[in-house]
Amino acid sequence: MTTTEPTTTTTGTTTTGSAPTFEGRAARIDAAQRAVARLDADPRTAADELIAAFEAHHAAVLLSLVSRLRADDRGRELLYEAVDDPEVYAALVKAGIVKPSLAMRAMQVLDGVRPYLTSHGGDVELVRIDQGIAYVRLLGACQSCGSATETLRDSVAEALLENLPEVTGVEEVAPDSAPTSAFIPLSSVSFGRKGQSVT
């Protein structure tokens, strides 16, 4: 008897019951949220409330699990190893349990302005944050001169300064300087939710 290999659809489900990928599950959630947004007001309110109830329940369960792991030396080691998994990290961030470091939040801010930069042939990367100063490297069209380029540079600085109170200034790093890794050590990840301590 022949068997067929499981396949994953674009919605993240599988035809033969195998586990979908992280990207597939995320795409399925995004598609469902867009579908809910298209509903009329009353059904949309009910659907949003159902989603919020599920998320609150899952967040409470995750918080309890994290608290127990943090209370044990080996459990704490396993927790930090688990956070290195993008799916685990995303779930804990969504639940408000993981508090991203300043560098992580800065990269998220830059991700927000990146589409605007790339539409003008440019890009940006975070080099480091030191004593409140964010050092960034501008790439592509952002390296040239002119008023348009100044606008791109200003958009990067404004985004960081407006969204990150800890950042008091933005400095540009020469494009030919030594590149730095975007790796964020797990020791910089802190845990907590809505003022609750899990240490």
C-alpha atoms as a PDB file:
ATOM      1  CA  MET A   1       0.000   0.000   0.000  1.00  0.00           C
ATOM      2  CA  THR A   2       1.371   3.374  -0.941  1.00  0.00           C
ATOM      3  CA  THR A   3       1.320   6.377   1.329  1.00  0.00           C
ATOM      4  CA  THR A   4       1.338  10.037   0.485  1.00  0.00           C
ATOM      5  CA  GLU A   5       3.612  12.588   2.038  1.00  0.00           C
ATOM      6  CA  PRO A   6       1.859  15.154   4.234  1.00  0.00           C
ATOM      7  CA  THR A   7       1.547  18.558   2.674  1.00  0.00           C
ATOM      8  CA  THR A   8       1.040  21.937   4.266  1.00  0.00           C
ATOM      9  CA  THR A   9      -1.464  24.387   2.848  1.00  0.00           C
ATOM     10  CA  THR A  10      -1.021  28.150   2.776  1.00  0.00           C
ATOM     11  CA  THR A  11      -3.322  28.397   5.796  1.00  0.00           C
ATOM     12  CA  GLY A  12      -0.967  26.344   7.932  1.00  0.00           C
ATOM     13  CA  THR A  13      -3.111  23.191   8.064  1.00  0.00           C
ATOM     14  CA  THR A  14      -1.970  19.836   6.721  1.00  0.00           C
ATOM     15  CA  THR A  15      -3.781  17.316   4.572  1.00  0.00           C
ATOM     16  CA  THR A  16      -2.583  14.265   6.519  1.00  0.00           C
ATOM     17  CA  GLY A  17      -2.295  15.605  10.047  1.00  0.00           C
ATOM     18  CA  SER A  18       1.405  16.460  10.248  1.00  0.00           C
ATOM     19  CA  ALA A  19       2.440  19.509  12.231  1.00  0.00           C
ATOM     20  CA  PRO A  20       2.450  22.739  10.202  1.00  0.00           C
ATOM     21  CA  THR A  21       5.434  25.036  10.232  1.00  0.00           C
ATOM     22  CA  PHE A  22       5.788  28.118  12.422  1.00  0.00           C
ATOM     23  CA  GLU A  23       5.324  30.278   9.331  1.00  0.00           C
ATOM     24  CA  GLY A  24       2.253  28.290   8.335  1.00  0.00           C
ATOM     25  CA  ARG A  25       0.614  28.687  11.719  1.00  0.00           C
ATOM     26  CA  ALA A  26       1.425  32.397  11.787  1.00  0.00           C
ATOM     27  CA  ALA A  27      -0.062  32.815   8.303  1.00  0.00           C
ATOM     28  CA  ARG A  28      -3.204  30.986   9.403  1.00  0.00           C
ATOM     29  CA  ILE A  29      -3.600  33.292  12.410  1.00  0.00           C
ATOM     30  CA  ASP A  30      -3.077  36.381  10.240  1.00  0.00           C
ATOM     31  CA  ALA A  31      -5.640  35.145   7.717  1.00  0.00           C
ATOM     32  CA  ALA A  32      -8.171  34.456  10.477  1.00  0.00           C
ATOM     33  CA  GLN A  33      -7.649  37.899  11.984  1.00  0.00           C
ATOM     34  CA  ARG A  34      -8.188  39.530   8.596  1.00  0.00           C
ATOM     35  CA  ALA A  35     -11.375  37.507   8.155  1.00  0.00           C
ATOM     36  CA  VAL A  36     -12.635  38.634  11.560  1.00  0.00           C
ATOM     37  CA  ALA A  37     -11.860  42.253  10.681  1.00  0.00           C
ATOM     38  CA  ARG A  38     -14.152  41.958   7.639  1.00  0.00           C
ATOM     39  CA  LEU A  39     -17.153  40.843   9.713  1.00  0.00           C
ATOM     40  CA  ASP A  40     -20.027  43.145  10.577  1.00  0.00           C
ATOM     41  CA  ALA A  41     -19.775  44.929  13.906  1.00  0.00           C
ATOM     42  CA  ASP A  42     -21.683  42.499  16.173  1.00  0.00           C
ATOM     43  CA  PRO A  43     -20.058  39.253  14.942  1.00  0.00           C
ATOM     44  CA  ARG A  44     -16.667  40.971  14.938  1.00  0.00           C
ATOM     45  CA  THR A  45     -17.112  42.060  18.552  1.00  0.00           C
ATOM     46  CA  ALA A  46     -18.022  38.511  19.555  1.00  0.00           C
ATOM     47  CA  ALA A  47     -15.059  37.069  17.656  1.00  0.00           C
ATOM     48  CA  ASP A  48     -12.666  39.625  19.151  1.00  0.00           C
ATOM     49  CA  GLU A  49     -13.926  38.783  22.637  1.00  0.00           C
ATOM     50  CA  LEU A  50     -13.412  35.065  21.995  1.00  0.00           C
ATOM     51  CA  ILE A  51      -9.854  35.717  20.798  1.00  0.00           C
ATOM     52  CA  ALA A  52      -9.134  37.930  23.805  1.00  0.00           C
ATOM     53  CA  ALA A  53     -10.469  35.267  26.180  1.00  0.00           C
ATOM     54  CA  PHE A  54      -8.272  32.578  24.613  1.00  0.00           C
ATOM     55  CA  GLU A  55      -5.220  34.838  24.719  1.00  0.00           C
ATOM     56  CA  ALA A  56      -5.819  35.756  28.364  1.00  0.00           C
ATOM     57  CA  HIS A  57      -6.146  32.087  29.288  1.00  0.00           C
ATOM     58  CA  HIS A  58      -3.015  31.084  27.393  1.00  0.00           C
ATOM     59  CA  ALA A  59      -1.068  33.990  28.893  1.00  0.00           C
ATOM     60  CA  ALA A  60      -2.039  32.928  32.418  1.00  0.00           C
ATOM     61  CA  VAL A  61      -0.956  29.343  31.725  1.00  0.00           C
ATOM     62  CA  LEU A  62       2.359  30.486  30.251  1.00  0.00           C
ATOM     63  CA  LEU A  63       2.991  32.817  33.179  1.00  0.00           C
ATOM     64  CA  SER A  64       2.443  29.954  35.627  1.00  0.00           C
ATOM     65  CA  LEU A  65       4.790  27.725  33.632  1.00  0.00           C
ATOM     66  CA  VAL A  66       7.502  30.387  33.433  1.00  0.00           C
ATOM     67  CA  SER A  67       7.184  31.098  37.165  1.00  0.00           C
ATOM     68  CA  ARG A  68       7.733  27.433  38.006  1.00  0.00           C
ATOM     69  CA  LEU A  69      10.723  27.148  35.694  1.00  0.00           C
ATOM     70  CA  ARG A  70      12.297  30.302  37.082  1.00  0.00           C
ATOM     71  CA  ALA A  71      12.018  28.918  40.612  1.00  0.00           C
ATOM     72  CA  ASP A  72      14.373  26.037  39.793  1.00  0.00           C
ATOM     73  CA  ASP A  73      18.017  26.366  38.733  1.00  0.00           C
ATOM     74  CA  ARG A  74      17.784  23.726  36.009  1.00  0.00           C
ATOM     75  CA  GLY A  75      14.355  24.969  35.020  1.00  0.00           C
ATOM     76  CA  ARG A  76      15.784  28.454  34.543  1.00  0.00           C
ATOM     77  CA  GLU A  77      18.462  27.071  32.228  1.00  0.00           C
ATOM     78  CA  LEU A  78      15.847  25.203  30.202  1.00  0.00           C
ATOM     79  CA  LEU A  79      13.693  28.323  30.036  1.00  0.00           C
ATOM     80  CA  TYR A  80      16.476  30.405  28.529  1.00  0.00           C
ATOM     81  CA  GLU A  81      17.207  27.620  26.057  1.00  0.00           C
ATOM     82  CA  ALA A  82      13.524  27.511  25.120  1.00  0.00           C
ATOM     83  CA  VAL A  83      13.384  31.277  24.543  1.00  0.00           C
ATOM     84  CA  ASP A  84      16.014  30.787  21.841  1.00  0.00           C
ATOM     85  CA  ASP A  85      13.282  29.043  19.819  1.00  0.00           C
ATOM     86  CA  PRO A  86      11.540  31.719  17.681  1.00  0.00           C
ATOM     87  CA  GLU A  87       8.120  30.138  18.264  1.00  0.00           C
ATOM     88  CA  VAL A  88       8.521  30.061  22.038  1.00  0.00           C
ATOM     89  CA  TYR A  89       9.888  33.601  22.045  1.00  0.00           C
ATOM     90  CA  ALA A  90       7.008  34.882  19.896  1.00  0.00           C
ATOM     91  CA  ALA A  91       4.428  33.224  22.158  1.00  0.00           C
ATOM     92  CA  LEU A  92       5.953  34.712  25.308  1.00  0.00           C
ATOM     93  CA  VAL A  93       6.202  38.170  23.750  1.00  0.00           C
ATOM     94  CA  LYS A  94       2.580  37.944  22.583  1.00  0.00           C
ATOM     95  CA  ALA A  95       1.544  37.030  26.124  1.00  0.00           C
ATOM     96  CA  GLY A  96       3.504  39.967  27.526  1.00  0.00           C
ATOM     97  CA  ILE A  97       5.732  37.656  29.565  1.00  0.00           C
ATOM     98  CA  VAL A  98       9.024  38.307  27.803  1.00  0.00           C
ATOM     99  CA  LYS A  99      10.192  41.888  27.985  1.00  0.00           C
ATOM    100  CA  PRO A 100      12.419  42.514  24.958  1.00  0.00           C
ATOM    101  CA  SER A 101      15.693  44.318  25.555  1.00  0.00           C
ATOM    102  CA  LEU A 102      16.203  47.882  24.355  1.00  0.00           C
ATOM    103  CA  ALA A 103      18.189  46.587  21.375  1.00  0.00           C
ATOM    104  CA  MET A 104      15.367  44.234  20.425  1.00  0.00           C
ATOM    105  CA  ARG A 105      12.806  47.018  20.641  1.00  0.00           C
ATOM    106  CA  ALA A 106      15.050  49.296  18.594  1.00  0.00           C
ATOM    107  CA  MET A 107      15.266  46.679  15.850  1.00  0.00           C
ATOM    108  CA  GLN A 108      11.480  46.395  15.895  1.00  0.00           C
ATOM    109  CA  VAL A 109      11.218  50.168  15.450  1.00  0.00           C
ATOM    110  CA  LEU A 110      13.647  50.037  12.529  1.00  0.00           C
ATOM    111  CA  ASP A 111      11.587  47.239  10.990  1.00  0.00           C
ATOM    112  CA  GLY A 112       8.705  49.693  11.001  1.00  0.00           C
ATOM    113  CA  VAL A 113      10.553  52.296   8.905  1.00  0.00           C
ATOM    114  CA  ARG A 114      12.373  49.767   6.714  1.00  0.00           C
ATOM    115  CA  PRO A 115       9.597  49.528   4.057  1.00  0.00           C
ATOM    116  CA  TYR A 116       9.803  53.305   3.582  1.00  0.00           C
ATOM    117  CA  LEU A 117      13.589  53.169   3.288  1.00  0.00           C
ATOM    118  CA  THR A 118      13.615  50.248   0.849  1.00  0.00           C
ATOM    119  CA  SER A 119      11.023  51.972  -1.321  1.00  0.00           C
ATOM    120  CA  HIS A 120      13.672  54.662  -1.823  1.00  0.00           C
ATOM    121  CA  GLY A 121      16.505  52.192  -2.367  1.00  0.00           C
ATOM    122  CA  GLY A 122      17.907  52.376   1.150  1.00  0.00           C
ATOM    123  CA  ASP A 123      18.112  50.343   4.330  1.00  0.00           C
ATOM    124  CA  VAL A 124      19.322  50.628   7.914  1.00  0.00           C
ATOM    125  CA  GLU A 125      20.811  48.354  10.547  1.00  0.00           C
ATOM    126  CA  LEU A 126      21.322  48.825  14.254  1.00  0.00           C
ATOM    127  CA  VAL A 127      24.972  48.649  15.295  1.00  0.00           C
ATOM    128  CA  ARG A 128      24.636  49.150  19.045  1.00  0.00           C
ATOM    129  CA  ILE A 129      23.079  51.285  21.761  1.00  0.00           C
ATOM    130  CA  ASP A 130      25.504  52.810  24.222  1.00  0.00           C
ATOM    131  CA  GLN A 131      24.595  55.204  27.042  1.00  0.00           C
ATOM    132  CA  GLY A 132      21.356  56.226  25.376  1.00  0.00           C
ATOM    133  CA  ILE A 133      22.878  56.763  21.929  1.00  0.00           C
ATOM    134  CA  ALA A 134      21.677  54.507  19.118  1.00  0.00           C
ATOM    135  CA  TYR A 135      24.365  53.903  16.514  1.00  0.00           C
ATOM    136  CA  VAL A 136      22.949  52.964  13.120  1.00  0.00           C
ATOM    137  CA  ARG A 137      24.443  52.148   9.749  1.00  0.00           C
ATOM    138  CA  LEU A 138      22.616  53.542   6.721  1.00  0.00           C
ATOM    139  CA  LEU A 139      22.825  51.490   3.540  1.00  0.00           C
ATOM    140  CA  GLY A 140      22.050  51.935  -0.133  1.00  0.00           C
ATOM    141  CA  ALA A 141      20.543  55.248  -1.149  1.00  0.00           C
ATOM    142  CA  CYS A 142      20.670  56.384   2.480  1.00  0.00           C
ATOM    143  CA  GLN A 143      24.444  56.816   2.128  1.00  0.00           C
ATOM    144  CA  SER A 144      24.266  59.514  -0.538  1.00  0.00           C
ATOM    145  CA  CYS A 145      23.781  63.218  -0.120  1.00  0.00           C
ATOM    146  CA  GLY A 146      20.828  65.421  -0.904  1.00  0.00           C
ATOM    147  CA  SER A 147      17.579  66.508   0.695  1.00  0.00           C
ATOM    148  CA  ALA A 148      15.857  63.185  -0.030  1.00  0.00           C
ATOM    149  CA  THR A 149      18.595  61.310   1.799  1.00  0.00           C
ATOM    150  CA  GLU A 150      18.372  63.701   4.730  1.00  0.00           C
ATOM    151  CA  THR A 151      14.659  62.919   4.910  1.00  0.00           C
ATOM    152  CA  LEU A 152      15.430  59.196   5.111  1.00  0.00           C
ATOM    153  CA  ARG A 153      17.981  59.798   7.852  1.00  0.00           C
ATOM    154  CA  ASP A 154      15.553  61.979   9.755  1.00  0.00           C
ATOM    155  CA  SER A 155      12.855  59.307   9.533  1.00  0.00           C
ATOM    156  CA  VAL A 156      15.189  56.786  11.177  1.00  0.00           C
ATOM    157  CA  ALA A 157      16.158  59.177  13.973  1.00  0.00           C
ATOM    158  CA  GLU A 158      12.591  60.316  14.593  1.00  0.00           C
ATOM    159  CA  ALA A 159      11.296  56.746  14.771  1.00  0.00           C
ATOM    160  CA  LEU A 160      13.880  55.749  17.371  1.00  0.00           C
ATOM    161  CA  LEU A 161      13.554  58.896  19.474  1.00  0.00           C
ATOM    162  CA  GLU A 162       9.749  58.904  19.446  1.00  0.00           C
ATOM    163  CA  ASN A 163       9.280  55.222  20.250  1.00  0.00           C
ATOM    164  CA  LEU A 164      12.133  54.605  22.681  1.00  0.00           C
ATOM    165  CA  PRO A 165      12.317  56.991  25.652  1.00  0.00           C
ATOM    166  CA  GLU A 166      15.637  55.415  26.653  1.00  0.00           C
ATOM    167  CA  VAL A 167      17.232  56.619  23.408  1.00  0.00           C
ATOM    168  CA  THR A 168      18.390  60.223  23.689  1.00  0.00           C
ATOM    169  CA  GLY A 169      20.327  60.489  20.451  1.00  0.00           C
ATOM    170  CA  VAL A 170      21.034  58.769  17.143  1.00  0.00           C
ATOM    171  CA  GLU A 171      24.466  58.643  15.529  1.00  0.00           C
ATOM    172  CA  GLU A 172      25.346  57.362  12.068  1.00  0.00           C
ATOM    173  CA  VAL A 173      28.170  54.836  11.708  1.00  0.00           C
ATOM    174  CA  ALA A 174      30.335  54.806   8.578  1.00  0.00           C
ATOM    175  CA  PRO A 175      29.184  52.114   6.119  1.00  0.00           C
ATOM    176  CA  ASP A 176      32.728  50.764   5.744  1.00  0.00           C
ATOM    177  CA  SER A 177      33.226  50.220   9.484  1.00  0.00           C
ATOM    178  CA  ALA A 178      33.459  46.715  10.858  1.00  0.00           C
ATOM    179  CA  PRO A 179      30.050  45.011  10.885  1.00  0.00           C
ATOM    180  CA  THR A 180      28.574  43.908  14.167  1.00  0.00           C
ATOM    181  CA  SER A 181      26.418  40.933  14.965  1.00  0.00           C
ATOM    182  CA  ALA A 182      22.700  41.381  15.542  1.00  0.00           C
ATOM    183  CA  PHE A 183      22.836  38.571  18.120  1.00  0.00           C
ATOM    184  CA  ILE A 184      21.133  39.439  21.372  1.00  0.00           C
ATOM    185  CA  PRO A 185      22.380  37.404  24.352  1.00  0.00           C
ATOM    186  CA  LEU A 186      19.632  35.598  26.222  1.00  0.00           C
ATOM    187  CA  SER A 187      20.888  37.164  29.431  1.00  0.00           C
ATOM    188  CA  SER A 188      19.342  40.399  28.157  1.00  0.00           C
ATOM    189  CA  VAL A 189      15.868  38.861  28.091  1.00  0.00           C
ATOM    190  CA  SER A 190      13.798  39.651  31.160  1.00  0.00           C
ATOM    191  CA  PHE A 191      10.531  38.129  32.230  1.00  0.00           C
ATOM    192  CA  GLY A 192       7.424  39.556  33.798  1.00  0.00           C
ATOM    193  CA  ARG A 193       3.854  40.467  32.976  1.00  0.00           C
ATOM    194  CA  LYS A 194       1.803  43.491  33.913  1.00  0.00           C
ATOM    195  CA  GLY A 195       3.959  44.260  36.897  1.00  0.00           C
ATOM    196  CA  GLN A 196       4.083  40.675  38.121  1.00  0.00           C
ATOM    197  CA  SER A 197       7.491  39.352  39.108  1.00  0.00           C
ATOM    198  CA  VAL A 198       8.393  35.810  38.151  1.00  0.00           C
ATOM    199  CA  THR A 199      11.877  35.765  39.609  1.00  0.00           C
END
